[in-house]
Amino acid sequence: MHATRVPAALAYRLSQEAYSPQWRDAVPGFLDGTTAGDTAEPGDPVAAGLAALLAERAGVIRHLAERAGRLAGVLRARRPPLVLCHSDIHAGNVLISDDGAASGCT
C-alpha cells in the first residue's frame, strides 16, 4: 500500500499527518493530575491504578513525549512523501506472520 502513487487529484482530499503537539502538550497535565483527575470518580480503582502508573513512570513518559516532539520536528522539516496508510492502529490493522513477526500500518 505504501508504494501506491497517490494521484494529485486525490491527494488534496486525503488527511495528512501534521505532527501536532496537541496530545504531547497534554502529557504534563495528565502526569500532575490536572487534565484527567477532575473527571475520575472517588474510589475508582481503575483511575487509582492509572494515577499510580503515571506517577511511577512519569520520567519515562515525559522523556517519550519530548522525544516524540523532537522527532515530529524532524519529520515536518523533511516533508516525507504522501503515502496511503491506516492511521488507526488496532488489532484488525496488525498482521502476524507464520513466524510470529508483527507488521501493520499505523
PDB file of N, CA and C in Angstrom:
ATOM      1  N   MET A   1       0.822  -1.188   0.000  1.00  0.00           N
ATOM      2  CA  MET A   1       0.000   0.000   0.000  1.00  0.00           C
ATOM      3  C   MET A   1       0.866   1.251   0.000  1.00  0.00           C
ATOM      4  N   HIS A   2       1.973   1.246   0.744  1.00  0.00           N
ATOM      5  CA  HIS A   2       2.812   2.432   0.822  1.00  0.00           C
ATOM      6  C   HIS A   2       3.456   2.809  -0.509  1.00  0.00           C
ATOM      7  N   ALA A   3       3.616   1.842  -1.396  1.00  0.00           N
ATOM      8  CA  ALA A   3       4.247   2.106  -2.684  1.00  0.00           C
ATOM      9  C   ALA A   3       3.261   2.660  -3.714  1.00  0.00           C
ATOM     10  N   THR A   4       1.982   2.679  -3.386  1.00  0.00           N
ATOM     11  CA  THR A   4       0.968   3.175  -4.311  1.00  0.00           C
ATOM     12  C   THR A   4       1.137   4.682  -4.508  1.00  0.00           C
ATOM     13  N   ARG A   5       1.218   5.084  -5.735  1.00  0.00           N
ATOM     14  CA  ARG A   5       1.341   6.508  -6.053  1.00  0.00           C
ATOM     15  C   ARG A   5      -0.029   7.166  -5.915  1.00  0.00           C
ATOM     16  N   VAL A   6      -0.078   8.259  -5.197  1.00  0.00           N
ATOM     17  CA  VAL A   6      -1.344   8.964  -4.960  1.00  0.00           C
ATOM     18  C   VAL A   6      -1.521  10.016  -6.048  1.00  0.00           C
ATOM     19  N   PRO A   7      -2.581   9.889  -6.860  1.00  0.00           N
ATOM     20  CA  PRO A   7      -2.817  10.890  -7.909  1.00  0.00           C
ATOM     21  C   PRO A   7      -3.066  12.273  -7.300  1.00  0.00           C
ATOM     22  N   ALA A   8      -2.566  13.294  -7.946  1.00  0.00           N
ATOM     23  CA  ALA A   8      -2.707  14.664  -7.451  1.00  0.00           C
ATOM     24  C   ALA A   8      -4.168  15.038  -7.230  1.00  0.00           C
ATOM     25  N   ALA A   9      -5.052  14.539  -8.094  1.00  0.00           N
ATOM     26  CA  ALA A   9      -6.475  14.864  -7.967  1.00  0.00           C
ATOM     27  C   ALA A   9      -7.080  14.285  -6.684  1.00  0.00           C
ATOM     28  N   LEU A  10      -6.449  13.270  -6.126  1.00  0.00           N
ATOM     29  CA  LEU A  10      -6.936  12.660  -4.893  1.00  0.00           C
ATOM     30  C   LEU A  10      -6.153  13.151  -3.677  1.00  0.00           C
ATOM     31  N   ALA A  11      -4.901  13.467  -3.845  1.00  0.00           N
ATOM     32  CA  ALA A  11      -4.015  13.812  -2.727  1.00  0.00           C
ATOM     33  C   ALA A  11      -4.560  14.964  -1.888  1.00  0.00           C
ATOM     34  N   TYR A  12      -5.133  15.966  -2.512  1.00  0.00           N
ATOM     35  CA  TYR A  12      -5.610  17.123  -1.755  1.00  0.00           C
ATOM     36  C   TYR A  12      -6.793  16.773  -0.850  1.00  0.00           C
ATOM     37  N   ARG A  13      -7.479  15.657  -1.127  1.00  0.00           N
ATOM     38  CA  ARG A  13      -8.640  15.259  -0.339  1.00  0.00           C
ATOM     39  C   ARG A  13      -8.273  14.367   0.835  1.00  0.00           C
ATOM     40  N   LEU A  14      -7.049  13.861   0.881  1.00  0.00           N
ATOM     41  CA  LEU A  14      -6.619  12.962   1.943  1.00  0.00           C
ATOM     42  C   LEU A  14      -6.115  13.744   3.149  1.00  0.00           C
ATOM     43  N   SER A  15      -6.449  13.257   4.327  1.00  0.00           N
ATOM     44  CA  SER A  15      -5.887  13.890   5.518  1.00  0.00           C
ATOM     45  C   SER A  15      -4.407  13.546   5.587  1.00  0.00           C
ATOM     46  N   GLN A  16      -3.643  14.464   6.117  1.00  0.00           N
ATOM     47  CA  GLN A  16      -2.200  14.278   6.210  1.00  0.00           C
ATOM     48  C   GLN A  16      -1.750  14.515   7.638  1.00  0.00           C
ATOM     49  N   GLU A  17      -0.759  13.756   8.054  1.00  0.00           N
ATOM     50  CA  GLU A  17      -0.203  13.898   9.393  1.00  0.00           C
ATOM     51  C   GLU A  17       0.429  15.278   9.530  1.00  0.00           C
ATOM     52  N   ALA A  18       0.060  15.982  10.583  1.00  0.00           N
ATOM     53  CA  ALA A  18       0.602  17.318  10.820  1.00  0.00           C
ATOM     54  C   ALA A  18       1.608  17.312  11.975  1.00  0.00           C
ATOM     55  N   TYR A  19       1.759  16.180  12.647  1.00  0.00           N
ATOM     56  CA  TYR A  19       2.667  16.067  13.788  1.00  0.00           C
ATOM     57  C   TYR A  19       2.330  17.111  14.845  1.00  0.00           C
ATOM     58  N   SER A  20       1.046  17.292  15.060  1.00  0.00           N
ATOM     59  CA  SER A  20       0.539  18.271  16.011  1.00  0.00           C
ATOM     60  C   SER A  20       1.021  17.964  17.432  1.00  0.00           C
ATOM     61  N   PRO A  21       1.339  18.999  18.192  1.00  0.00           N
ATOM     62  CA  PRO A  21       1.744  18.793  19.581  1.00  0.00           C
ATOM     63  C   PRO A  21       0.559  18.647  20.544  1.00  0.00           C
ATOM     64  N   GLN A  22      -0.666  18.626  20.036  1.00  0.00           N
ATOM     65  CA  GLN A  22      -1.854  18.643  20.893  1.00  0.00           C
ATOM     66  C   GLN A  22      -1.779  17.631  22.023  1.00  0.00           C
ATOM     67  N   TRP A  23      -1.531  16.381  21.734  1.00  0.00           N
ATOM     68  CA  TRP A  23      -1.545  15.359  22.782  1.00  0.00           C
ATOM     69  C   TRP A  23      -0.240  15.333  23.558  1.00  0.00           C
ATOM     70  N   ARG A  24       0.880  15.663  22.915  1.00  0.00           N
ATOM     71  CA  ARG A  24       2.146  15.767  23.658  1.00  0.00           C
ATOM     72  C   ARG A  24       2.054  16.883  24.683  1.00  0.00           C
ATOM     73  N   ASP A  25       1.424  17.986  24.320  1.00  0.00           N
ATOM     74  CA  ASP A  25       1.291  19.115  25.233  1.00  0.00           C
ATOM     75  C   ASP A  25       0.378  18.795  26.417  1.00  0.00           C
ATOM     76  N   ALA A  26      -0.478  17.791  26.265  1.00  0.00           N
ATOM     77  CA  ALA A  26      -1.375  17.408  27.359  1.00  0.00           C
ATOM     78  C   ALA A  26      -0.701  16.509  28.386  1.00  0.00           C
ATOM     79  N   VAL A  27       0.453  15.947  28.042  1.00  0.00           N
ATOM     80  CA  VAL A  27       1.122  14.983  28.925  1.00  0.00           C
ATOM     81  C   VAL A  27       1.387  15.548  30.320  1.00  0.00           C
ATOM     82  N   PRO A  28       1.947  16.751  30.475  1.00  0.00           N
ATOM     83  CA  PRO A  28       2.190  17.247  31.836  1.00  0.00           C
ATOM     84  C   PRO A  28       0.925  17.317  32.686  1.00  0.00           C
ATOM     85  N   GLY A  29      -0.180  17.697  32.079  1.00  0.00           N
ATOM     86  CA  GLY A  29      -1.443  17.750  32.816  1.00  0.00           C
ATOM     87  C   GLY A  29      -1.906  16.386  33.286  1.00  0.00           C
ATOM     88  N   PHE A  30      -1.711  15.357  32.444  1.00  0.00           N
ATOM     89  CA  PHE A  30      -2.051  14.002  32.865  1.00  0.00           C
ATOM     90  C   PHE A  30      -1.145  13.543  33.995  1.00  0.00           C
ATOM     91  N   LEU A  31       0.126  13.900  33.896  1.00  0.00           N
ATOM     92  CA  LEU A  31       1.075  13.450  34.913  1.00  0.00           C
ATOM     93  C   LEU A  31       0.877  14.141  36.251  1.00  0.00           C
ATOM     94  N   ASP A  32       0.476  15.405  36.241  1.00  0.00           N
ATOM     95  CA  ASP A  32       0.277  16.074  37.527  1.00  0.00           C
ATOM     96  C   ASP A  32      -1.184  16.029  37.992  1.00  0.00           C
ATOM     97  N   GLY A  33      -2.036  15.367  37.206  1.00  0.00           N
ATOM     98  CA  GLY A  33      -3.419  15.149  37.628  1.00  0.00           C
ATOM     99  C   GLY A  33      -4.379  16.267  37.314  1.00  0.00           C
ATOM    100  N   THR A  34      -3.934  17.307  36.607  1.00  0.00           N
ATOM    101  CA  THR A  34      -4.844  18.420  36.339  1.00  0.00           C
ATOM    102  C   THR A  34      -5.681  18.222  35.093  1.00  0.00           C
ATOM    103  N   THR A  35      -5.320  17.264  34.236  1.00  0.00           N
ATOM    104  CA  THR A  35      -6.077  17.068  32.997  1.00  0.00           C
ATOM    105  C   THR A  35      -7.216  16.086  33.170  1.00  0.00           C
ATOM    106  N   ALA A  36      -6.952  14.913  33.728  1.00  0.00           N
ATOM    107  CA  ALA A  36      -7.974  13.873  33.792  1.00  0.00           C
ATOM    108  C   ALA A  36      -8.529  13.683  35.192  1.00  0.00           C
ATOM    109  N   GLY A  37      -7.806  14.142  36.202  1.00  0.00           N
ATOM    110  CA  GLY A  37      -8.204  13.855  37.576  1.00  0.00           C
ATOM    111  C   GLY A  37      -9.538  14.432  37.983  1.00  0.00           C
ATOM    112  N   ASP A  38      -9.969  15.513  37.360  1.00  0.00           N
ATOM    113  CA  ASP A  38     -11.214  16.151  37.772  1.00  0.00           C
ATOM    114  C   ASP A  38     -12.452  15.387  37.314  1.00  0.00           C
ATOM    115  N   THR A  39     -12.310  14.385  36.450  1.00  0.00           N
ATOM    116  CA  THR A  39     -13.470  13.617  35.988  1.00  0.00           C
ATOM    117  C   THR A  39     -13.532  12.220  36.605  1.00  0.00           C
ATOM    118  N   ALA A  40     -12.500  11.821  37.353  1.00  0.00           N
ATOM    119  CA  ALA A  40     -12.482  10.483  37.945  1.00  0.00           C
ATOM    120  C   ALA A  40     -13.414  10.421  39.151  1.00  0.00           C
ATOM    121  N   GLU A  41     -14.103   9.319  39.274  1.00  0.00           N
ATOM    122  CA  GLU A  41     -14.971   9.095  40.431  1.00  0.00           C
ATOM    123  C   GLU A  41     -14.110   8.773  41.649  1.00  0.00           C
ATOM    124  N   PRO A  42     -14.430   9.321  42.811  1.00  0.00           N
ATOM    125  CA  PRO A  42     -13.663   8.971  44.015  1.00  0.00           C
ATOM    126  C   PRO A  42     -13.736   7.465  44.273  1.00  0.00           C
ATOM    127  N   GLY A  43     -12.610   6.872  44.586  1.00  0.00           N
ATOM    128  CA  GLY A  43     -12.572   5.442  44.884  1.00  0.00           C
ATOM    129  C   GLY A  43     -12.551   4.550  43.662  1.00  0.00           C
ATOM    130  N   ASP A  44     -12.429   5.106  42.463  1.00  0.00           N
ATOM    131  CA  ASP A  44     -12.393   4.316  41.236  1.00  0.00           C
ATOM    132  C   ASP A  44     -11.049   3.595  41.165  1.00  0.00           C
ATOM    133  N   PRO A  45     -11.054   2.254  41.241  1.00  0.00           N
ATOM    134  CA  PRO A  45      -9.776   1.527  41.256  1.00  0.00           C
ATOM    135  C   PRO A  45      -9.005   1.633  39.941  1.00  0.00           C
ATOM    136  N   VAL A  46      -9.694   1.759  38.827  1.00  0.00           N
ATOM    137  CA  VAL A  46      -9.005   1.900  37.549  1.00  0.00           C
ATOM    138  C   VAL A  46      -8.282   3.253  37.498  1.00  0.00           C
ATOM    139  N   ALA A  47      -8.975   4.310  37.904  1.00  0.00           N
ATOM    140  CA  ALA A  47      -8.356   5.640  37.926  1.00  0.00           C
ATOM    141  C   ALA A  47      -7.188   5.663  38.902  1.00  0.00           C
ATOM    142  N   ALA A  48      -7.340   5.020  40.046  1.00  0.00           N
ATOM    143  CA  ALA A  48      -6.257   4.974  41.029  1.00  0.00           C
ATOM    144  C   ALA A  48      -5.057   4.216  40.476  1.00  0.00           C
ATOM    145  N   GLY A  49      -5.305   3.118  39.786  1.00  0.00           N
ATOM    146  CA  GLY A  49      -4.225   2.348  39.183  1.00  0.00           C
ATOM    147  C   GLY A  49      -3.507   3.141  38.106  1.00  0.00           C
ATOM    148  N   LEU A  50      -4.277   3.856  37.299  1.00  0.00           N
ATOM    149  CA  LEU A  50      -3.671   4.680  36.253  1.00  0.00           C
ATOM    150  C   LEU A  50      -2.842   5.798  36.876  1.00  0.00           C
ATOM    151  N   ALA A  51      -3.363   6.442  37.918  1.00  0.00           N
ATOM    152  CA  ALA A  51      -2.623   7.512  38.589  1.00  0.00           C
ATOM    153  C   ALA A  51      -1.312   6.981  39.160  1.00  0.00           C
ATOM    154  N   ALA A  52      -1.336   5.791  39.730  1.00  0.00           N
ATOM    155  CA  ALA A  52      -0.122   5.191  40.285  1.00  0.00           C
ATOM    156  C   ALA A  52       0.887   4.886  39.175  1.00  0.00           C
ATOM    157  N   LEU A  53       0.404   4.354  38.066  1.00  0.00           N
ATOM    158  CA  LEU A  53       1.283   4.051  36.945  1.00  0.00           C
ATOM    159  C   LEU A  53       1.910   5.327  36.379  1.00  0.00           C
ATOM    160  N   LEU A  54       1.107   6.372  36.210  1.00  0.00           N
ATOM    161  CA  LEU A  54       1.623   7.635  35.693  1.00  0.00           C
ATOM    162  C   LEU A  54       2.672   8.223  36.631  1.00  0.00           C
ATOM    163  N   ALA A  55       2.426   8.131  37.948  1.00  0.00           N
ATOM    164  CA  ALA A  55       3.392   8.655  38.914  1.00  0.00           C
ATOM    165  C   ALA A  55       4.684   7.849  38.873  1.00  0.00           C
ATOM    166  N   GLU A  56       4.557   6.539  38.789  1.00  0.00           N
ATOM    167  CA  GLU A  56       5.730   5.663  38.777  1.00  0.00           C
ATOM    168  C   GLU A  56       6.580   5.866  37.528  1.00  0.00           C
ATOM    169  N   ARG A  57       5.945   6.087  36.410  1.00  0.00           N
ATOM    170  CA  ARG A  57       6.647   6.173  35.117  1.00  0.00           C
ATOM    171  C   ARG A  57       6.720   7.590  34.564  1.00  0.00           C
ATOM    172  N   ALA A  58       6.485   8.595  35.398  1.00  0.00           N
ATOM    173  CA  ALA A  58       6.413   9.982  34.919  1.00  0.00           C
ATOM    174  C   ALA A  58       7.666  10.402  34.158  1.00  0.00           C
ATOM    175  N   GLY A  59       8.828  10.056  34.653  1.00  0.00           N
ATOM    176  CA  GLY A  59      10.066  10.442  33.978  1.00  0.00           C
ATOM    177  C   GLY A  59      10.173   9.852  32.594  1.00  0.00           C
ATOM    178  N   VAL A  60       9.849   8.576  32.469  1.00  0.00           N
ATOM    179  CA  VAL A  60       9.906   7.898  31.173  1.00  0.00           C
ATOM    180  C   VAL A  60       8.868   8.494  30.225  1.00  0.00           C
ATOM    181  N   ILE A  61       7.681   8.753  30.739  1.00  0.00           N
ATOM    182  CA  ILE A  61       6.609   9.299  29.905  1.00  0.00           C
ATOM    183  C   ILE A  61       6.983  10.697  29.407  1.00  0.00           C
ATOM    184  N   ARG A  62       7.527  11.529  30.289  1.00  0.00           N
ATOM    185  CA  ARG A  62       7.963  12.872  29.870  1.00  0.00           C
ATOM    186  C   ARG A  62       9.050  12.777  28.797  1.00  0.00           C
ATOM    187  N   HIS A  63       9.999  11.866  29.017  1.00  0.00           N
ATOM    188  CA  HIS A  63      11.076  11.683  28.041  1.00  0.00           C
ATOM    189  C   HIS A  63      10.511  11.271  26.676  1.00  0.00           C
ATOM    190  N   LEU A  64       9.573  10.330  26.664  1.00  0.00           N
ATOM    191  CA  LEU A  64       8.978   9.874  25.406  1.00  0.00           C
ATOM    192  C   LEU A  64       8.220  10.992  24.700  1.00  0.00           C
ATOM    193  N   ALA A  65       7.483  11.785  25.465  1.00  0.00           N
ATOM    194  CA  ALA A  65       6.733  12.900  24.861  1.00  0.00           C
ATOM    195  C   ALA A  65       7.694  13.933  24.281  1.00  0.00           C
ATOM    196  N   GLU A  66       8.786  14.238  25.002  1.00  0.00           N
ATOM    197  CA  GLU A  66       9.771  15.192  24.491  1.00  0.00           C
ATOM    198  C   GLU A  66      10.458  14.647  23.241  1.00  0.00           C
ATOM    199  N   ARG A  67      10.806  13.359  23.278  1.00  0.00           N
ATOM    200  CA  ARG A  67      11.452  12.749  22.110  1.00  0.00           C
ATOM    201  C   ARG A  67      10.504  12.746  20.911  1.00  0.00           C
ATOM    202  N   ALA A  68       9.236  12.424  21.145  1.00  0.00           N
ATOM    203  CA  ALA A  68       8.255  12.446  20.055  1.00  0.00           C
ATOM    204  C   ALA A  68       8.156  13.850  19.459  1.00  0.00           C
ATOM    205  N   GLY A  69       8.249  14.874  20.293  1.00  0.00           N
ATOM    206  CA  GLY A  69       8.217  16.245  19.791  1.00  0.00           C
ATOM    207  C   GLY A  69       9.421  16.558  18.918  1.00  0.00           C
ATOM    208  N   ARG A  70      10.601  16.110  19.336  1.00  0.00           N
ATOM    209  CA  ARG A  70      11.799  16.328  18.524  1.00  0.00           C
ATOM    210  C   ARG A  70      11.686  15.590  17.186  1.00  0.00           C
ATOM    211  N   LEU A  71      11.217  14.339  17.237  1.00  0.00           N
ATOM    212  CA  LEU A  71      11.063  13.567  16.003  1.00  0.00           C
ATOM    213  C   LEU A  71      10.009  14.185  15.084  1.00  0.00           C
ATOM    214  N   ALA A  72       8.949  14.733  15.665  1.00  0.00           N
ATOM    215  CA  ALA A  72       7.924  15.400  14.854  1.00  0.00           C
ATOM    216  C   ALA A  72       8.531  16.575  14.108  1.00  0.00           C
ATOM    217  N   GLY A  73       9.412  17.325  14.771  1.00  0.00           N
ATOM    218  CA  GLY A  73      10.079  18.447  14.114  1.00  0.00           C
ATOM    219  C   GLY A  73      10.943  17.996  12.947  1.00  0.00           C
ATOM    220  N   VAL A  74      11.643  16.885  13.140  1.00  0.00           N
ATOM    221  CA  VAL A  74      12.474  16.334  12.066  1.00  0.00           C
ATOM    222  C   VAL A  74      11.601  15.939  10.878  1.00  0.00           C
ATOM    223  N   LEU A  75      10.499  15.253  11.153  1.00  0.00           N
ATOM    224  CA  LEU A  75       9.626  14.805  10.072  1.00  0.00           C
ATOM    225  C   LEU A  75       8.954  15.981   9.357  1.00  0.00           C
ATOM    226  N   ARG A  76       8.553  16.995  10.117  1.00  0.00           N
ATOM    227  CA  ARG A  76       7.969  18.186   9.473  1.00  0.00           C
ATOM    228  C   ARG A  76       8.976  18.827   8.525  1.00  0.00           C
ATOM    229  N   ALA A  77      10.242  18.887   8.949  1.00  0.00           N
ATOM    230  CA  ALA A  77      11.282  19.514   8.124  1.00  0.00           C
ATOM    231  C   ALA A  77      11.581  18.687   6.875  1.00  0.00           C
ATOM    232  N   ARG A  78      11.501  17.374   6.992  1.00  0.00           N
ATOM    233  CA  ARG A  78      11.809  16.502   5.854  1.00  0.00           C
ATOM    234  C   ARG A  78      10.676  16.414   4.853  1.00  0.00           C
ATOM    235  N   ARG A  79       9.469  16.659   5.301  1.00  0.00           N
ATOM    236  CA  ARG A  79       8.287  16.539   4.455  1.00  0.00           C
ATOM    237  C   ARG A  79       8.279  15.208   3.709  1.00  0.00           C
ATOM    238  N   PRO A  80       8.064  14.114   4.436  1.00  0.00           N
ATOM    239  CA  PRO A  80       8.076  12.801   3.781  1.00  0.00           C
ATOM    240  C   PRO A  80       7.002  12.728   2.690  1.00  0.00           C
ATOM    241  N   PRO A  81       7.185  11.828   1.734  1.00  0.00           N
ATOM    242  CA  PRO A  81       6.202  11.723   0.644  1.00  0.00           C
ATOM    243  C   PRO A  81       4.845  11.263   1.172  1.00  0.00           C
ATOM    244  N   LEU A  82       3.818  11.693   0.504  1.00  0.00           N
ATOM    245  CA  LEU A  82       2.464  11.282   0.849  1.00  0.00           C
ATOM    246  C   LEU A  82       2.247   9.840   0.415  1.00  0.00           C
ATOM    247  N   VAL A  83       1.889   8.990   1.360  1.00  0.00           N
ATOM    248  CA  VAL A  83       1.590   7.591   1.058  1.00  0.00           C
ATOM    249  C   VAL A  83       0.263   7.225   1.704  1.00  0.00           C
ATOM    250  N   LEU A  84      -0.399   6.231   1.127  1.00  0.00           N
ATOM    251  CA  LEU A  84      -1.639   5.733   1.712  1.00  0.00           C
ATOM    252  C   LEU A  84      -1.297   4.859   2.903  1.00  0.00           C
ATOM    253  N   CYS A  85      -2.011   5.064   4.001  1.00  0.00           N
ATOM    254  CA  CYS A  85      -1.699   4.322   5.221  1.00  0.00           C
ATOM    255  C   CYS A  85      -2.877   4.406   6.177  1.00  0.00           C
ATOM    256  N   HIS A  86      -3.108   3.327   6.935  1.00  0.00           N
ATOM    257  CA  HIS A  86      -4.084   3.387   8.030  1.00  0.00           C
ATOM    258  C   HIS A  86      -3.557   4.365   9.067  1.00  0.00           C
ATOM    259  N   SER A  87      -4.435   5.059   9.725  1.00  0.00           N
ATOM    260  CA  SER A  87      -3.995   5.927  10.818  1.00  0.00           C
ATOM    261  C   SER A  87      -4.601   5.488  12.140  1.00  0.00           C
ATOM    262  N   ASP A  88      -5.307   4.397  12.129  1.00  0.00           N
ATOM    263  CA  ASP A  88      -5.946   3.916  13.351  1.00  0.00           C
ATOM    264  C   ASP A  88      -5.412   2.529  13.695  1.00  0.00           C
ATOM    265  N   ILE A  89      -4.451   2.476  14.636  1.00  0.00           N
ATOM    266  CA  ILE A  89      -3.884   1.183  14.986  1.00  0.00           C
ATOM    267  C   ILE A  89      -4.862   0.443  15.910  1.00  0.00           C
ATOM    268  N   HIS A  90      -5.142  -0.758  15.536  1.00  0.00           N
ATOM    269  CA  HIS A  90      -5.934  -1.673  16.363  1.00  0.00           C
ATOM    270  C   HIS A  90      -5.659  -3.076  15.858  1.00  0.00           C
ATOM    271  N   ALA A  91      -6.166  -4.070  16.557  1.00  0.00           N
ATOM    272  CA  ALA A  91      -5.848  -5.462  16.230  1.00  0.00           C
ATOM    273  C   ALA A  91      -6.177  -5.819  14.783  1.00  0.00           C
ATOM    274  N   GLY A  92      -7.198  -5.209  14.216  1.00  0.00           N
ATOM    275  CA  GLY A  92      -7.568  -5.502  12.839  1.00  0.00           C
ATOM    276  C   GLY A  92      -6.590  -4.962  11.815  1.00  0.00           C
ATOM    277  N   ASN A  93      -5.693  -4.053  12.223  1.00  0.00           N
ATOM    278  CA  ASN A  93      -4.715  -3.475  11.310  1.00  0.00           C
ATOM    279  C   ASN A  93      -3.310  -4.026  11.526  1.00  0.00           C
ATOM    280  N   VAL A  94      -3.184  -5.032  12.380  1.00  0.00           N
ATOM    281  CA  VAL A  94      -1.882  -5.631  12.640  1.00  0.00           C
ATOM    282  C   VAL A  94      -1.913  -7.059  12.131  1.00  0.00           C
ATOM    283  N   LEU A  95      -0.917  -7.415  11.348  1.00  0.00           N
ATOM    284  CA  LEU A  95      -0.829  -8.761  10.785  1.00  0.00           C
ATOM    285  C   LEU A  95       0.284  -9.519  11.483  1.00  0.00           C
ATOM    286  N   ILE A  96       0.029 -10.783  11.828  1.00  0.00           N
ATOM    287  CA  ILE A  96       1.036 -11.646  12.437  1.00  0.00           C
ATOM    288  C   ILE A  96       1.379 -12.728  11.426  1.00  0.00           C
ATOM    289  N   SER A  97       2.637 -12.807  11.036  1.00  0.00           N
ATOM    290  CA  SER A  97       3.062 -13.811  10.059  1.00  0.00           C
ATOM    291  C   SER A  97       3.234 -15.168  10.727  1.00  0.00           C
ATOM    292  N   ASP A  98       3.461 -16.190   9.929  1.00  0.00           N
ATOM    293  CA  ASP A  98       3.628 -17.542  10.457  1.00  0.00           C
ATOM    294  C   ASP A  98       4.810 -17.642  11.426  1.00  0.00           C
ATOM    295  N   ASP A  99       5.809 -16.789  11.235  1.00  0.00           N
ATOM    296  CA  ASP A  99       6.968 -16.851  12.133  1.00  0.00           C
ATOM    297  C   ASP A  99       6.788 -15.981  13.377  1.00  0.00           C
ATOM    298  N   GLY A 100       5.599 -15.368  13.548  1.00  0.00           N
ATOM    299  CA  GLY A 100       5.288 -14.598  14.733  1.00  0.00           C
ATOM    300  C   GLY A 100       5.634 -13.126  14.653  1.00  0.00           C
ATOM    301  N   ALA A 101       6.148 -12.688  13.523  1.00  0.00           N
ATOM    302  CA  ALA A 101       6.502 -11.277  13.368  1.00  0.00           C
ATOM    303  C   ALA A 101       5.242 -10.439  13.131  1.00  0.00           C
ATOM    304  N   ALA A 102       5.193  -9.295  13.783  1.00  0.00           N
ATOM    305  CA  ALA A 102       4.058  -8.395  13.605  1.00  0.00           C
ATOM    306  C   ALA A 102       4.394  -7.355  12.545  1.00  0.00           C
ATOM    307  N   SER A 103       3.407  -7.021  11.750  1.00  0.00           N
ATOM    308  CA  SER A 103       3.562  -5.933  10.800  1.00  0.00           C
ATOM    309  C   SER A 103       2.222  -5.236  10.703  1.00  0.00           C
ATOM    310  N   GLY A 104       2.236  -4.086  10.155  1.00  0.00           N
ATOM    311  CA  GLY A 104       0.980  -3.354  10.024  1.00  0.00           C
ATOM    312  C   GLY A 104       1.251  -1.966   9.518  1.00  0.00           C
ATOM    313  N   CYS A 105       0.233  -1.170   9.564  1.00  0.00           N
ATOM    314  CA  CYS A 105       0.303   0.196   9.081  1.00  0.00           C
ATOM    315  C   CYS A 105      -0.364   1.050  10.136  1.00  0.00           C
ATOM    316  N   THR A 106       0.359   1.988  10.686  1.00  0.00           N
ATOM    317  CA  THR A 106      -0.220   2.816  11.746  1.00  0.00           C
ATOM    318  C   THR A 106      -0.393   4.239  11.329  1.00  0.00           C
TER     319      THR A 106
END
